[in-house]
Amino acid sequence: MDREKLKSRILAEPEEFTSYLKELLELGRIEDDIALGISRFILSNGLSNLTDKQWYTFLEKGLIEYNYVEECERCLINLPWSEMSGAVYLYEDEYCSYCRHMEEKIKYS
């Protein structure tokens, strides 16, 4: 996983990302204590106030390992932040909602 690419995506979509981050916190999905503290800092102070070390720790311990899928496994588009928890936790299939729907149609037809 390219951390700089992920960081750029987060900075390009800050509202969508912070909504996903709130969801992760509500679900208790960030287990590393330092990454959890950084997550709370982000929600209180914004993304622009993070140091390079905080970015590194947050991406490595808070997102990349368990909470992020770059693209849909089926269609290869960037997975929207709003669909991330479904792809990672709820369905554990790494699909966007459209591809999940299409797979369901194929499976049950």
N, C-alpha and C. Protein backbone atom coordinates (compact mmCIF):
# COMPACT_ATOMS: atom_id res chain seq x y z
N MET A 1 0.85 -1.18 0.00
CA MET A 1 0.00 0.00 0.00
C MET A 1 0.89 1.24 0.00
N ASP A 2 0.59 2.12 -0.89
CA ASP A 2 1.33 3.38 -1.00
C ASP A 2 0.73 4.40 -0.04
N ARG A 3 1.44 4.70 1.04
CA ARG A 3 0.95 5.64 2.05
C ARG A 3 0.71 7.03 1.49
N GLU A 4 1.60 7.50 0.62
CA GLU A 4 1.44 8.84 0.06
C GLU A 4 0.18 8.94 -0.81
N LYS A 5 -0.10 7.90 -1.54
CA LYS A 5 -1.31 7.87 -2.37
C LYS A 5 -2.56 7.89 -1.48
N LEU A 6 -2.54 7.13 -0.40
CA LEU A 6 -3.66 7.12 0.53
C LEU A 6 -3.81 8.48 1.20
N LYS A 7 -2.72 9.05 1.63
CA LYS A 7 -2.76 10.38 2.26
C LYS A 7 -3.35 11.41 1.29
N SER A 8 -2.93 11.36 0.04
CA SER A 8 -3.46 12.29 -0.97
C SER A 8 -4.95 12.10 -1.17
N ARG A 9 -5.38 10.85 -1.16
CA ARG A 9 -6.82 10.59 -1.32
C ARG A 9 -7.60 11.14 -0.13
N ILE A 10 -7.09 10.94 1.06
CA ILE A 10 -7.75 11.46 2.26
C ILE A 10 -7.85 12.98 2.19
N LEU A 11 -6.76 13.64 1.83
CA LEU A 11 -6.75 15.10 1.76
C LEU A 11 -7.64 15.63 0.64
N ALA A 12 -7.84 14.85 -0.41
CA ALA A 12 -8.71 15.26 -1.52
C ALA A 12 -10.19 15.06 -1.20
N GLU A 13 -10.48 14.19 -0.24
CA GLU A 13 -11.87 13.87 0.11
C GLU A 13 -12.07 13.96 1.63
N PRO A 14 -11.78 15.13 2.22
CA PRO A 14 -11.76 15.20 3.69
C PRO A 14 -13.11 14.95 4.37
N GLU A 15 -14.19 15.45 3.81
CA GLU A 15 -15.50 15.25 4.45
C GLU A 15 -15.90 13.78 4.42
N GLU A 16 -15.71 13.15 3.27
CA GLU A 16 -16.06 11.73 3.13
C GLU A 16 -15.20 10.89 4.07
N PHE A 17 -13.90 11.22 4.12
CA PHE A 17 -13.01 10.46 4.98
C PHE A 17 -13.37 10.63 6.45
N THR A 18 -13.61 11.86 6.90
CA THR A 18 -13.91 12.04 8.32
C THR A 18 -15.22 11.36 8.70
N SER A 19 -16.16 11.26 7.79
CA SER A 19 -17.38 10.49 8.06
C SER A 19 -17.05 9.02 8.29
N TYR A 20 -16.16 8.49 7.45
CA TYR A 20 -15.73 7.10 7.62
C TYR A 20 -14.96 6.94 8.93
N LEU A 21 -14.11 7.89 9.26
CA LEU A 21 -13.34 7.82 10.49
C LEU A 21 -14.28 7.82 11.70
N LYS A 22 -15.31 8.65 11.69
CA LYS A 22 -16.30 8.64 12.77
C LYS A 22 -16.94 7.27 12.90
N GLU A 23 -17.27 6.67 11.76
CA GLU A 23 -17.86 5.33 11.75
C GLU A 23 -16.90 4.31 12.36
N LEU A 24 -15.63 4.39 12.00
CA LEU A 24 -14.64 3.47 12.57
C LEU A 24 -14.57 3.61 14.09
N LEU A 25 -14.61 4.84 14.57
CA LEU A 25 -14.55 5.07 16.02
C LEU A 25 -15.80 4.55 16.71
N GLU A 26 -16.96 4.80 16.12
CA GLU A 26 -18.21 4.32 16.69
C GLU A 26 -18.25 2.80 16.78
N LEU A 27 -17.65 2.13 15.79
CA LEU A 27 -17.63 0.67 15.75
C LEU A 27 -16.47 0.07 16.55
N GLY A 28 -15.60 0.93 17.07
CA GLY A 28 -14.45 0.45 17.82
C GLY A 28 -13.44 -0.29 16.97
N ARG A 29 -13.27 0.16 15.72
CA ARG A 29 -12.42 -0.55 14.76
C ARG A 29 -10.96 -0.12 14.75
N ILE A 30 -10.63 0.93 15.47
CA ILE A 30 -9.22 1.32 15.55
C ILE A 30 -8.72 0.85 16.91
N GLU A 31 -7.89 -0.17 16.88
CA GLU A 31 -7.47 -0.84 18.11
C GLU A 31 -6.16 -0.31 18.68
N ASP A 32 -5.28 0.18 17.84
CA ASP A 32 -4.00 0.71 18.31
C ASP A 32 -4.25 2.01 19.07
N ASP A 33 -3.75 2.09 20.29
CA ASP A 33 -4.00 3.26 21.15
C ASP A 33 -3.49 4.57 20.56
N ILE A 34 -2.32 4.54 19.96
CA ILE A 34 -1.76 5.76 19.38
C ILE A 34 -2.59 6.19 18.17
N ALA A 35 -2.94 5.25 17.30
CA ALA A 35 -3.77 5.56 16.14
C ALA A 35 -5.15 6.05 16.58
N LEU A 36 -5.65 5.51 17.67
CA LEU A 36 -6.94 5.95 18.21
C LEU A 36 -6.86 7.41 18.66
N GLY A 37 -5.78 7.76 19.35
CA GLY A 37 -5.58 9.14 19.78
C GLY A 37 -5.45 10.08 18.59
N ILE A 38 -4.74 9.66 17.57
CA ILE A 38 -4.59 10.48 16.37
C ILE A 38 -5.93 10.64 15.67
N SER A 39 -6.73 9.59 15.67
CA SER A 39 -8.07 9.67 15.05
C SER A 39 -8.93 10.71 15.74
N ARG A 40 -8.90 10.71 17.05
CA ARG A 40 -9.67 11.70 17.81
C ARG A 40 -9.13 13.11 17.56
N PHE A 41 -7.82 13.22 17.46
CA PHE A 41 -7.19 14.51 17.16
C PHE A 41 -7.66 15.01 15.79
N ILE A 42 -7.71 14.13 14.80
CA ILE A 42 -8.16 14.50 13.45
C ILE A 42 -9.58 15.06 13.50
N LEU A 43 -10.46 14.37 14.22
CA LEU A 43 -11.86 14.82 14.28
C LEU A 43 -11.99 16.16 15.00
N SER A 44 -11.12 16.42 15.96
CA SER A 44 -11.18 17.68 16.70
C SER A 44 -10.45 18.83 16.01
N ASN A 45 -9.33 18.52 15.36
CA ASN A 45 -8.44 19.56 14.85
C ASN A 45 -8.23 19.57 13.35
N GLY A 46 -8.74 18.59 12.66
CA GLY A 46 -8.57 18.54 11.21
C GLY A 46 -7.34 17.77 10.78
N LEU A 47 -7.25 17.53 9.51
CA LEU A 47 -6.16 16.76 8.92
C LEU A 47 -4.89 17.57 8.72
N SER A 48 -5.02 18.85 8.52
CA SER A 48 -3.86 19.68 8.17
C SER A 48 -2.89 19.88 9.33
N ASN A 49 -3.31 19.54 10.53
CA ASN A 49 -2.46 19.74 11.70
C ASN A 49 -1.61 18.52 12.06
N LEU A 50 -1.67 17.46 11.28
CA LEU A 50 -0.89 16.26 11.59
C LEU A 50 0.56 16.41 11.16
N THR A 51 1.46 15.90 11.99
CA THR A 51 2.87 15.85 11.62
C THR A 51 3.09 14.64 10.70
N ASP A 52 4.24 14.58 10.07
CA ASP A 52 4.57 13.44 9.22
C ASP A 52 4.56 12.14 10.03
N LYS A 53 5.06 12.18 11.25
CA LYS A 53 5.08 11.00 12.11
C LYS A 53 3.66 10.55 12.46
N GLN A 54 2.78 11.51 12.74
CA GLN A 54 1.39 11.17 13.04
C GLN A 54 0.71 10.56 11.82
N TRP A 55 0.96 11.13 10.66
CA TRP A 55 0.40 10.56 9.42
C TRP A 55 0.84 9.11 9.26
N TYR A 56 2.14 8.89 9.42
CA TYR A 56 2.69 7.55 9.24
C TYR A 56 2.02 6.57 10.20
N THR A 57 1.97 6.91 11.47
CA THR A 57 1.38 6.03 12.48
C THR A 57 -0.10 5.80 12.21
N PHE A 58 -0.81 6.87 11.91
CA PHE A 58 -2.25 6.75 11.65
C PHE A 58 -2.53 5.84 10.45
N LEU A 59 -1.80 6.06 9.37
CA LEU A 59 -2.03 5.24 8.18
C LEU A 59 -1.65 3.79 8.42
N GLU A 60 -0.51 3.56 9.03
CA GLU A 60 -0.02 2.20 9.26
C GLU A 60 -0.85 1.44 10.29
N LYS A 61 -1.14 2.06 11.40
CA LYS A 61 -1.79 1.38 12.52
C LYS A 61 -3.30 1.58 12.59
N GLY A 62 -3.79 2.62 11.91
CA GLY A 62 -5.21 2.91 11.98
C GLY A 62 -5.99 2.52 10.75
N LEU A 63 -5.36 2.58 9.58
CA LEU A 63 -6.11 2.32 8.34
C LEU A 63 -5.61 1.12 7.55
N ILE A 64 -4.38 1.18 7.09
CA ILE A 64 -3.90 0.25 6.08
C ILE A 64 -4.10 -1.21 6.46
N GLU A 65 -3.74 -1.55 7.66
CA GLU A 65 -3.74 -2.97 8.01
C GLU A 65 -5.13 -3.59 8.05
N TYR A 66 -6.12 -2.90 8.62
CA TYR A 66 -7.43 -3.53 8.82
C TYR A 66 -8.64 -2.73 8.33
N ASN A 67 -8.47 -1.47 8.03
CA ASN A 67 -9.63 -0.61 7.82
C ASN A 67 -9.71 0.05 6.45
N TYR A 68 -8.97 -0.46 5.49
CA TYR A 68 -8.94 0.21 4.19
C TYR A 68 -8.76 -0.78 3.07
N VAL A 69 -9.56 -0.59 2.03
CA VAL A 69 -9.42 -1.32 0.77
C VAL A 69 -9.34 -0.25 -0.31
N GLU A 70 -8.29 -0.29 -1.09
CA GLU A 70 -8.09 0.77 -2.08
C GLU A 70 -9.14 0.76 -3.17
N GLU A 71 -9.39 -0.40 -3.73
CA GLU A 71 -10.31 -0.47 -4.87
C GLU A 71 -11.19 -1.71 -4.77
N CYS A 72 -12.30 -1.66 -5.48
CA CYS A 72 -13.23 -2.78 -5.54
C CYS A 72 -12.51 -3.98 -6.18
N GLU A 73 -12.66 -5.10 -5.57
CA GLU A 73 -12.01 -6.32 -6.05
C GLU A 73 -12.53 -6.74 -7.43
N ARG A 74 -13.74 -6.34 -7.76
CA ARG A 74 -14.37 -6.77 -9.02
C ARG A 74 -14.17 -5.78 -10.16
N CYS A 75 -14.48 -4.51 -9.93
CA CYS A 75 -14.44 -3.52 -11.02
C CYS A 75 -13.19 -2.64 -10.98
N LEU A 76 -12.44 -2.71 -9.89
CA LEU A 76 -11.16 -2.01 -9.74
C LEU A 76 -11.25 -0.49 -9.66
N ILE A 77 -12.43 0.06 -9.34
CA ILE A 77 -12.53 1.50 -9.09
C ILE A 77 -12.20 1.77 -7.62
N ASN A 78 -11.79 3.01 -7.32
CA ASN A 78 -11.58 3.38 -5.92
C ASN A 78 -12.86 3.14 -5.14
N LEU A 79 -12.75 2.44 -4.06
CA LEU A 79 -13.91 2.17 -3.22
C LEU A 79 -14.29 3.46 -2.49
N PRO A 80 -15.52 3.91 -2.61
CA PRO A 80 -15.92 5.14 -1.91
C PRO A 80 -15.82 4.97 -0.39
N TRP A 81 -15.48 6.03 0.29
CA TRP A 81 -15.40 5.97 1.75
C TRP A 81 -16.73 5.53 2.35
N SER A 82 -17.82 5.96 1.75
CA SER A 82 -19.14 5.62 2.28
C SER A 82 -19.45 4.13 2.19
N GLU A 83 -18.71 3.40 1.37
CA GLU A 83 -18.93 1.96 1.22
C GLU A 83 -17.82 1.12 1.84
N MET A 84 -16.87 1.78 2.46
CA MET A 84 -15.68 1.09 2.97
C MET A 84 -16.01 0.09 4.07
N SER A 85 -16.82 0.47 5.04
CA SER A 85 -17.09 -0.46 6.14
C SER A 85 -17.86 -1.68 5.67
N GLY A 86 -18.72 -1.53 4.68
CA GLY A 86 -19.41 -2.70 4.11
C GLY A 86 -18.44 -3.65 3.45
N ALA A 87 -17.52 -3.10 2.69
CA ALA A 87 -16.55 -3.93 1.97
C ALA A 87 -15.55 -4.60 2.91
N VAL A 88 -15.22 -3.90 4.00
CA VAL A 88 -14.19 -4.41 4.90
C VAL A 88 -14.79 -5.28 6.00
N TYR A 89 -15.92 -4.88 6.60
CA TYR A 89 -16.45 -5.57 7.78
C TYR A 89 -17.76 -6.28 7.56
N LEU A 90 -18.73 -5.56 7.04
CA LEU A 90 -20.07 -6.12 6.96
C LEU A 90 -20.13 -7.33 6.04
N TYR A 91 -19.63 -7.17 4.83
CA TYR A 91 -19.67 -8.26 3.85
C TYR A 91 -18.32 -8.96 3.68
N GLU A 92 -17.25 -8.26 4.06
CA GLU A 92 -15.88 -8.78 3.96
C GLU A 92 -15.55 -9.31 2.56
N ASP A 93 -16.02 -8.56 1.54
CA ASP A 93 -15.81 -9.02 0.16
C ASP A 93 -14.95 -8.08 -0.68
N GLU A 94 -14.67 -6.89 -0.15
CA GLU A 94 -13.90 -5.86 -0.85
C GLU A 94 -14.56 -5.43 -2.16
N TYR A 95 -15.90 -5.43 -2.20
CA TYR A 95 -16.66 -5.00 -3.37
C TYR A 95 -17.35 -3.67 -3.09
N CYS A 96 -17.52 -2.88 -4.16
CA CYS A 96 -18.38 -1.70 -4.06
C CYS A 96 -19.83 -2.20 -4.05
N SER A 97 -20.75 -1.33 -3.71
CA SER A 97 -22.14 -1.76 -3.60
C SER A 97 -22.72 -2.24 -4.93
N TYR A 98 -22.31 -1.61 -6.03
CA TYR A 98 -22.81 -2.03 -7.34
C TYR A 98 -22.35 -3.46 -7.66
N CYS A 99 -21.08 -3.72 -7.48
CA CYS A 99 -20.56 -5.06 -7.78
C CYS A 99 -21.15 -6.11 -6.85
N ARG A 100 -21.37 -5.75 -5.59
CA ARG A 100 -22.00 -6.67 -4.66
C ARG A 100 -23.41 -7.00 -5.14
N HIS A 101 -24.13 -5.99 -5.58
CA HIS A 101 -25.47 -6.19 -6.12
C HIS A 101 -25.44 -7.11 -7.34
N MET A 102 -24.49 -6.86 -8.24
CA MET A 102 -24.39 -7.69 -9.45
C MET A 102 -24.03 -9.15 -9.09
N GLU A 103 -23.16 -9.33 -8.15
CA GLU A 103 -22.80 -10.69 -7.72
C GLU A 103 -24.00 -11.40 -7.11
N GLU A 104 -24.80 -10.66 -6.35
CA GLU A 104 -26.01 -11.24 -5.77
C GLU A 104 -26.99 -11.66 -6.86
N LYS A 105 -27.14 -10.81 -7.86
CA LYS A 105 -28.03 -11.14 -8.98
C LYS A 105 -27.57 -12.42 -9.68
N ILE A 106 -26.29 -12.51 -9.93
CA ILE A 106 -25.74 -13.70 -10.60
C ILE A 106 -25.92 -14.94 -9.73
N LYS A 107 -25.66 -14.79 -8.46
CA LYS A 107 -25.72 -15.90 -7.52
C LYS A 107 -27.14 -16.47 -7.40
N TYR A 108 -28.13 -15.60 -7.42
CA TYR A 108 -29.50 -16.03 -7.18
C TYR A 108 -30.37 -16.06 -8.43
N SER A 109 -29.77 -16.01 -9.60
CA SER A 109 -30.58 -16.08 -10.82
C SER A 109 -30.56 -17.46 -11.41
